[in-house]
Amino acid sequence: MAGARIRVSRVSQTSSTGRRDTRTRTVLVSSSSSSDMQQQTSSSKVGEAMRALVDSEFDDEERNTAQEKRRGERKRRTEDPVALLQATTSYQKAVGENGIAPEAAVALEVYGLKPGEKMTKKQREYVGKIVDKLEATCASVKNRQATAEETFLGAQSLYESSKYEQALEAFEAALSMTYADSLRGGAIQIWIALTLERLGREEETLAIYLTLEENHPNSSVKRQAENLRYILIAPPLKMNDDERVVIPDLSEMNERNDRRRERKYRKRPAPMAPMKKREKTLEERVMDEKWQPMLPYVMRNKIVQVWIAVLTIGLTIWSTTQK
């Protein structure tokens, strides 16, 4: 048959006698382009995670044989939280962003069927159960992530307030509500390690860093755990007395500044209210320099004033000689 290829896979089954039997199954697969094959291969883990939601309800013959080949390469399907998170994320993107029907999105990941291709009755039943499980899982994951994020932020506030015992409990609660192998789960575990270090439990801190380095799938979490582990096990830096910075005692200077500040901002007495001016009496007006008596017009002449002064002096001299 031109344009087709044969795929041979091995399926493990348990017989009625309790003996595990391995059989060979030959499947005729229609030809497809290399890009379709790459897309199907890259999404195989997502399809396996989708199958893991309802695998216990179906026979082994309905399972994807590709997942059996990778049995030893990862954890059990039902205990792989990262794959489950990838499955829910892929499903939400296909349905919400790309507008693909839920059944078509699951059939593409599980069976490699493109939208519009027909499924058998068993496949439709199988895909329908996966869709129901995914919808429930997506709602649960969304609620758990929101609660975990809120708890995580509260734990950070407790850590910054030096309430390390309470912060440790909050971080552990946040970790229980998220996936430990996710990026957020790795960040929470690093915060747990930092909190344990503050509490003096350095052995537990080192164990967390080593676990993240060896097992966490995210490279940034691995790198950060490695850097923090090197800082933790680094020997203390020895310094001589002449290499230390001596800070003088500034308490006396602070006291002088406080006294100067008190004098500067000391309350001043309130100014006295201005006194009301009273009206001057007649005597005061007479003695006032600005007040001048009215003189006759003739007396205002300076020549007349000089003659009056001469006569006054002459009369004074004459009166003294007569005595």
Foldseek 3Di string as FASTA:
>chain_A
DPQKDKDKFWFWDADPVRDIDIDIDIDIGGHDDPVLVVVLVVLQLLLLLLCLLCVVVDDSVPADRVVVVCPVVDDPSVPDQVSNVVNLVQQCCCCPVVVDDSLQSNCCSNVVDHPPDDDDPVSSVSSVVSSVSSVVVNVLLVVLLVVLVVLLVVLVVCVVVVVLVVSLVSLVVSLVSGPCLDPVNLVSLLVNLVSCVSVVNNVVSLVSLVCCLPDRPDPVSNVVSVVVNCVSPPDDDDDDPVPDDDDDDCPVVVVVVVVVVCVVPPDDDDDDDDDDDDDDDPVVLVPDPVDDDDDDPVCVDVVVVVVVVVVVVVVVVVVVVVD
